[in-house]
Protein backbone atom coordinates (compact mmCIF):
# COMPACT_ATOMS: atom_id res chain seq x y z
CA MET A 1 0.10 -0.07 0.27
CA ALA A 2 1.31 3.15 -1.49
CA CYS A 3 1.40 6.49 0.61
CA GLU A 4 -1.42 7.53 -1.28
CA ASP A 5 -3.19 4.98 -0.40
CA LEU A 6 -3.69 6.27 2.83
CA PRO A 7 -6.40 8.14 4.10
CA ALA A 8 -5.26 11.79 5.04
CA GLN A 9 -6.00 11.27 8.72
CA HIS A 10 -4.92 7.82 9.05
CA ALA A 11 -2.29 7.02 11.35
CA VAL A 12 -1.19 4.40 10.84
CA ARG A 13 1.38 2.50 12.78
CA SER A 14 4.84 0.72 12.28
CA ALA A 15 3.10 -2.47 12.63
CA GLU A 16 0.95 -2.42 10.77
CA ILE A 17 3.43 -1.36 7.69
CA ARG A 18 5.05 -3.62 8.64
CA GLU A 19 2.44 -6.31 8.21
CA TRP A 20 2.67 -5.43 4.51
CA GLY A 21 6.16 -6.71 4.23
CA TYR A 22 8.17 -3.62 5.28
CA ARG A 23 11.15 -4.64 7.67
CA LEU A 24 13.59 -2.26 7.85
CA LEU A 25 11.42 1.37 8.47
CA CYS A 26 13.52 4.42 8.97
CA GLY A 27 12.56 7.68 10.53
CA ILE A 28 14.04 10.58 9.16
CA ASP A 29 13.31 13.63 10.74
CA GLU A 30 15.20 17.33 10.81
CA VAL A 31 16.16 20.30 13.38
CA GLY A 32 17.57 23.85 13.30
CA ARG A 33 15.59 24.23 9.88
CA GLY A 34 14.43 27.68 11.47
CA ALA A 35 18.15 28.90 13.13
CA LEU A 36 20.03 32.24 11.92
CA ALA A 37 23.10 30.93 11.86
CA GLY A 38 24.72 27.03 11.60
CA PRO A 39 23.77 23.66 9.42
CA VAL A 40 20.39 22.75 8.73
CA ALA A 41 20.02 18.60 10.04
CA ALA A 42 18.56 15.87 9.07
CA GLY A 43 18.48 12.45 11.07
CA ALA A 44 17.53 8.77 9.82
CA VAL A 45 17.31 6.34 11.77
CA VAL A 46 16.35 2.16 11.64
CA LEU A 47 15.19 0.57 14.49
CA ASP A 48 14.45 -2.96 15.16
CA GLN A 49 10.71 -3.99 15.79
CA ASP A 50 11.30 -5.86 18.50
CA LEU A 51 14.00 -3.56 20.78
CA GLY A 52 12.41 -0.98 21.59
CA ILE A 53 14.47 2.25 22.93
CA ALA A 54 12.32 3.58 26.65
CA GLY A 55 12.10 7.32 26.87
CA VAL A 56 12.26 7.90 23.05
CA ASP A 57 9.55 10.80 22.51
CA ASP A 58 9.46 13.67 20.52
CA SER A 59 12.87 15.70 20.91
CA LYS A 60 11.23 18.95 21.71
CA ARG A 61 9.47 17.31 24.74
CA LEU A 62 12.44 16.22 26.12
CA SER A 63 15.12 17.66 28.18
CA PRO A 64 19.00 18.31 26.59
CA LEU A 65 20.26 15.91 29.31
CA GLN A 66 17.41 13.26 28.29
CA ARG A 67 18.14 13.84 24.94
CA ARG A 68 22.63 13.18 25.56
CA ARG A 69 21.75 10.15 27.25
CA LEU A 70 19.40 8.48 24.97
CA ALA A 71 21.64 9.77 21.66
CA PRO A 72 24.09 7.13 22.86
CA ARG A 73 21.30 4.49 23.17
CA ILE A 74 19.55 4.72 20.08
CA ARG A 75 23.10 4.21 18.18
CA SER A 76 23.90 1.23 19.59
CA ARG A 77 20.64 -0.54 19.46
CA ALA A 78 19.30 0.43 16.59
CA VAL A 79 19.53 -1.39 12.75
CA ALA A 80 20.92 1.54 11.70
CA ALA A 81 21.44 5.66 12.48
CA ALA A 82 22.85 8.37 10.57
CA VAL A 83 23.13 12.28 10.75
CA GLY A 84 23.15 14.58 7.75
CA TYR A 85 23.75 18.09 7.29
CA ALA A 86 23.94 21.32 4.80
CA ALA A 87 25.58 24.43 4.99
CA PRO A 88 24.57 27.65 5.52
CA ARG A 89 25.86 28.29 2.07
CA GLU A 90 24.14 26.12 0.86
CA ILE A 91 21.00 26.59 2.36
CA ASP A 92 21.77 29.92 1.14
CA ARG A 93 22.65 28.98 -2.87
CA ILE A 94 19.16 26.60 -3.23
CA GLY A 95 16.55 27.53 -0.30
CA ILE A 96 16.05 26.00 3.26
CA VAL A 97 13.18 24.03 2.06
CA ARG A 98 15.46 21.95 -0.60
CA ALA A 99 18.95 22.32 1.21
CA THR A 100 16.89 19.99 4.40
CA GLN A 101 15.87 17.90 1.61
CA LEU A 102 19.88 17.28 0.73
CA ALA A 103 20.63 16.82 4.60
CA MET A 104 17.58 13.55 4.40
CA HIS A 105 19.89 12.51 1.79
CA ARG A 106 22.80 12.22 2.60
CA ALA A 107 21.31 10.92 6.09
CA LEU A 108 20.34 7.64 4.38
CA ALA A 109 22.65 7.76 2.20
CA ARG A 110 25.19 7.16 5.21
CA LEU A 111 23.10 4.36 7.13
CA GLY A 112 24.81 1.49 5.84
CA VAL A 113 21.64 -0.22 5.18
CA GLN A 114 19.10 0.55 2.38
CA PRO A 115 15.90 0.73 4.40
CA ASP A 116 12.59 -0.37 2.54
CA HIS A 117 10.16 2.41 3.83
CA LEU A 118 10.52 6.22 4.91
CA LEU A 119 8.47 7.71 7.99
CA LEU A 120 8.85 11.28 7.81
CA ASP A 121 7.49 14.30 10.01
CA ALA A 122 4.98 16.20 7.55
CA PHE A 123 6.67 16.28 4.02
CA LEU A 124 7.62 13.79 2.10
CA LEU A 125 10.62 13.66 0.88
CA PRO A 126 11.59 14.39 -3.50
CA GLY A 127 14.13 12.14 -4.92
CA THR A 128 13.32 8.87 -3.91
CA ASP A 129 11.22 5.43 -5.49
CA LEU A 130 11.17 4.93 -1.38
CA PRO A 131 7.53 4.36 -0.70
CA GLN A 132 6.79 6.81 2.27
CA ILE A 133 4.65 8.06 4.74
CA ALA A 134 4.58 11.74 6.56
CA ARG A 135 2.54 12.92 8.71
CA ALA A 136 2.13 15.65 11.09
CA LYS A 137 3.80 15.62 14.31
CA GLY A 138 5.36 11.95 13.13
CA ASP A 139 7.69 12.54 15.56
CA GLN A 140 5.17 12.01 18.49
CA LEU A 141 3.52 9.31 16.48
CA TYR A 142 6.95 7.40 15.02
CA ALA A 143 9.60 5.96 17.53
CA GLU A 144 11.96 5.76 14.65
CA ILE A 145 11.21 9.63 13.54
CA ALA A 146 11.47 10.89 17.39
CA ALA A 147 14.47 8.68 17.69
CA ALA A 148 15.91 11.17 14.63
CA SER A 149 15.08 13.81 16.13
CA ILE A 150 16.80 13.51 18.56
CA LEU A 151 20.12 12.33 17.35
CA ALA A 152 19.71 15.23 15.10
CA LYS A 153 19.45 17.47 17.56
CA VAL A 154 22.15 16.18 20.30
CA GLU A 155 24.68 15.99 17.81
CA ARG A 156 23.51 19.53 15.63
CA ASP A 157 23.44 20.91 19.18
CA ALA A 158 27.22 19.65 19.66
CA LEU A 159 28.96 21.57 16.75
CA MET A 160 27.03 24.58 17.48
CA GLN A 161 28.73 24.33 20.89
CA ARG A 162 32.35 23.95 18.72
CA ILE A 163 31.78 26.66 16.71
CA ALA A 164 30.60 28.61 19.30
CA GLN A 165 33.85 28.64 20.74
CA GLU A 166 35.50 30.60 17.59
CA PHE A 167 32.83 32.73 17.78
CA PRO A 168 31.52 33.87 21.71
CA ALA A 169 29.79 36.81 21.07
CA TYR A 170 26.76 35.25 19.85
CA GLY A 171 25.88 33.18 22.86
CA TRP A 172 25.55 30.18 20.53
CA GLN A 173 26.69 27.97 23.38
CA GLN A 174 23.10 28.67 24.51
CA ASN A 175 20.90 29.95 21.82
CA LYS A 176 22.23 26.91 18.70
CA GLY A 177 22.07 29.98 16.04
CA TYR A 178 18.73 30.77 16.49
CA GLY A 179 17.12 33.95 16.45
CA ALA A 180 17.52 34.78 20.13
CA PRO A 181 18.22 38.32 21.67
CA GLU A 182 21.49 37.83 22.90
CA HIS A 183 22.22 36.63 19.14
CA LEU A 184 20.57 39.38 17.25
CA ALA A 185 22.31 41.54 18.82
CA ALA A 186 25.51 39.84 18.44
CA ILE A 187 24.87 40.47 14.99
CA ALA A 188 24.45 44.08 15.23
CA GLU A 189 26.75 44.78 16.69
CA HIS A 190 29.71 42.50 15.21
CA GLY A 191 28.18 42.05 11.80
CA LEU A 192 28.11 38.04 10.40
CA THR A 193 29.59 35.14 10.35
CA PRO A 194 31.06 31.84 7.65
CA TRP A 195 28.42 30.47 9.67
CA HIS A 196 25.58 32.85 9.39
CA ARG A 197 22.34 31.88 6.71
CA GLN A 198 22.94 35.21 5.09
CA THR A 199 19.45 35.33 3.16
CA PHE A 200 17.68 34.70 6.96
CA CYS A 201 20.05 37.81 8.64
CA GLN A 202 18.85 39.98 5.40
CA ASN A 203 16.89 41.96 8.27
CA CYS A 204 18.92 41.72 11.19
CA ARG A 205 20.97 44.15 10.71
CA PRO A 206 22.07 46.95 7.61
CA THR A 207 24.98 45.52 6.29
CA ALA A 208 26.61 41.87 6.37
CA ALA A 209 30.15 41.80 8.59
CA GLY A 210 33.01 43.02 5.81
CA GLU A 211 31.12 44.91 3.64
């Protein structure tokens, strides 16, 4: 059964999809889509149907500590797991929608296994022949999507922590590149860095750094 055969509001469960003959269900989710700085990240996770991971939930409903504790458990117990990125310059060049899709394809390519069905949060993924289902709040419906969102969030947060050491004025340790007041104030005072998305920051200050 293809995703387009399903009623729009039918929240089909993973177990039901497996009854159709699919075994390697891959959840995909993105983080960082609305940030002013840093890449957009996408997680891809294939879970063993018989191996549940207690505590896995939508990453936004978990604390940073809970996410950090869950991430290694997900990696150790998943059939396959990976994170892909699209850089700020790619976001500026092709737009956030296509860049997010690019990050998802990169995550899929890094899995090391070929899934036979995709599960996505809200939007289908173009550019693949794999059957797929996309549902609003999919990270609350499917453990595979929730696990993907946790991995992507933990890895992107860690990256923002590392690059914050090079650009400490912007508060990325706390705001992770989003438009928090201290981040906006730092842009106004210091301009933009190579990690900023120029197209997202056009209204943050009159000119970019160096102009």
